[in-house]
Amino acid sequence: MKRLFERIQQEKERLLSLERDRLEALKRRYEELKKELMATEREISLILSRIEDQLYPQLMQLRRLEEKLSMYEIQDPYGKGKEVYEKVAQDLEDILKLVSKRLKEEWFPNR
C-alpha cells in the first residue's frame, strides 16, 4: 500500500514537471487578470460614485417635492366608515378648489 502511494506520488511529480512551465505561466496570467479585474472594479465604483454625487442635488429636490406632495395625499376610504368617506370628500373638494384657483390665476389672470 505504501509502495503504491509512493508510485502515485512519483507519477504525479513526473506529470507536473511536464506541465510546470505551462502551469506557472497560467498562474502568472491569473494573478495579472485578478489585478486587472480589481482595478476595473475600483474604476467602476469611482464612476458610479461620481454619478451619484452629480445626481444628489436632483434627488434631494425630488425628495422635497415628494414631501410637499404627501400633504395632498388622500387616503383610500374603501371599506371604512362613513366618517372616512366624508373626510375624503372634503379633502377632494378642498384640493379641487385650490387647483381651480391656481388654474384661474394662471390662465385668466385678469378675471
Protein backbone atom coordinates (compact mmCIF):
# COMPACT_ATOMS: atom_id res chain seq x y z
CA MET A 1 0.00 0.00 0.00
CA LYS A 2 2.77 2.40 0.95
CA ARG A 3 4.64 1.46 -2.20
CA LEU A 4 1.55 2.16 -4.34
CA PHE A 5 1.17 5.57 -2.75
CA GLU A 6 4.84 6.38 -3.45
CA ARG A 7 4.45 5.36 -7.08
CA ILE A 8 1.39 7.57 -7.43
CA GLN A 9 3.29 10.49 -5.92
CA GLN A 10 6.22 9.92 -8.28
CA GLU A 11 3.90 9.78 -11.28
CA LYS A 12 2.16 12.96 -10.13
CA GLU A 13 5.53 14.73 -9.83
CA ARG A 14 6.57 13.49 -13.26
CA LEU A 15 3.34 14.71 -14.85
CA LEU A 16 3.59 18.05 -13.05
CA SER A 17 7.15 18.51 -14.26
CA LEU A 18 5.94 18.05 -17.84
CA GLU A 19 3.37 20.82 -17.34
CA ARG A 20 5.33 23.00 -14.90
CA ASP A 21 6.12 25.81 -17.36
CA ARG A 22 2.54 25.99 -18.60
CA LEU A 23 1.16 25.92 -15.03
CA GLU A 24 3.50 28.73 -13.95
CA ALA A 25 2.53 30.81 -16.97
CA LEU A 26 -1.15 30.27 -16.23
CA LYS A 27 -0.68 31.18 -12.56
CA ARG A 28 1.10 34.42 -13.55
CA ARG A 29 -1.64 35.25 -16.05
CA TYR A 30 -4.27 34.52 -13.39
CA GLU A 31 -2.63 36.98 -10.98
CA GLU A 32 -2.38 39.62 -13.72
CA LEU A 33 -6.05 39.19 -14.59
CA LYS A 34 -7.01 39.34 -10.93
CA LYS A 35 -5.16 42.66 -10.53
CA GLU A 36 -6.75 43.99 -13.71
CA LEU A 37 -10.19 42.93 -12.50
CA MET A 38 -9.68 44.65 -9.15
CA ALA A 39 -8.56 47.85 -10.89
CA THR A 40 -11.59 47.68 -13.17
CA GLU A 41 -13.91 47.20 -10.20
CA ARG A 42 -12.36 50.25 -8.49
CA GLU A 43 -12.81 52.33 -11.62
CA ILE A 44 -16.45 51.25 -11.97
CA SER A 45 -17.04 52.12 -8.33
CA LEU A 46 -15.48 55.59 -8.80
CA ILE A 47 -17.59 56.30 -11.88
CA LEU A 48 -20.80 55.25 -10.12
CA SER A 49 -19.87 57.32 -7.10
CA ARG A 50 -19.28 60.41 -9.27
CA ILE A 51 -22.63 59.87 -10.98
CA GLU A 52 -24.40 59.59 -7.61
CA ASP A 53 -22.65 62.76 -6.42
CA GLN A 54 -23.77 64.63 -9.54
CA LEU A 55 -27.36 63.42 -9.13
CA TYR A 56 -27.52 64.20 -5.42
CA PRO A 57 -29.00 67.72 -5.79
CA GLN A 58 -31.73 66.45 -8.12
CA LEU A 59 -32.51 63.56 -5.78
CA MET A 60 -32.81 65.97 -2.85
CA GLN A 61 -35.11 68.20 -4.90
CA LEU A 62 -37.23 65.19 -5.79
CA ARG A 63 -37.48 64.17 -2.13
CA ARG A 64 -38.57 67.68 -1.16
CA LEU A 65 -41.24 67.58 -3.87
CA GLU A 66 -42.41 64.18 -2.66
CA GLU A 67 -42.71 65.57 0.87
CA LYS A 68 -44.77 68.51 -0.40
CA LEU A 69 -46.99 66.19 -2.41
CA SER A 70 -47.59 63.96 0.58
CA MET A 71 -49.51 66.87 2.13
CA TYR A 72 -52.07 66.41 -0.64
CA GLU A 73 -52.40 62.66 -0.33
CA ILE A 74 -55.91 61.44 0.11
CA GLN A 75 -56.45 58.19 1.91
CA ASP A 76 -58.42 55.38 0.32
CA PRO A 77 -61.78 55.16 2.08
CA TYR A 78 -62.67 51.76 0.70
CA GLY A 79 -64.13 49.54 3.40
CA LYS A 80 -64.03 52.25 6.06
CA GLY A 81 -66.77 54.05 7.85
CA LYS A 82 -68.96 56.94 6.69
CA GLU A 83 -66.78 59.48 8.53
CA VAL A 84 -63.76 58.49 6.44
CA TYR A 85 -65.75 58.85 3.21
CA GLU A 86 -66.92 62.29 4.31
CA LYS A 87 -63.36 63.33 5.19
CA VAL A 88 -62.10 62.14 1.80
CA ALA A 89 -64.91 64.04 0.07
CA GLN A 90 -63.97 67.20 1.96
CA ASP A 91 -60.28 66.73 1.14
CA LEU A 92 -61.11 66.29 -2.55
CA GLU A 93 -63.27 69.39 -2.53
CA ASP A 94 -60.51 71.45 -0.87
CA ILE A 95 -57.91 70.28 -3.36
CA LEU A 96 -60.18 70.89 -6.35
CA LYS A 97 -60.86 74.44 -5.11
CA LEU A 98 -57.12 75.04 -4.82
CA VAL A 99 -56.47 73.62 -8.31
CA SER A 100 -59.32 75.67 -9.74
CA LYS A 101 -58.00 78.84 -8.12
CA ARG A 102 -54.48 78.27 -9.41
CA LEU A 103 -55.69 77.46 -12.92
CA LYS A 104 -57.75 80.67 -12.99
CA GLU A 105 -54.75 82.68 -11.79
CA GLU A 106 -52.53 81.09 -14.44
CA TRP A 107 -54.90 81.12 -17.40
CA PHE A 108 -57.15 84.08 -16.62
CA PRO A 109 -55.05 86.45 -14.50
CA ASN A 110 -57.32 89.48 -15.12
CA ARG A 111 -60.61 87.89 -14.05
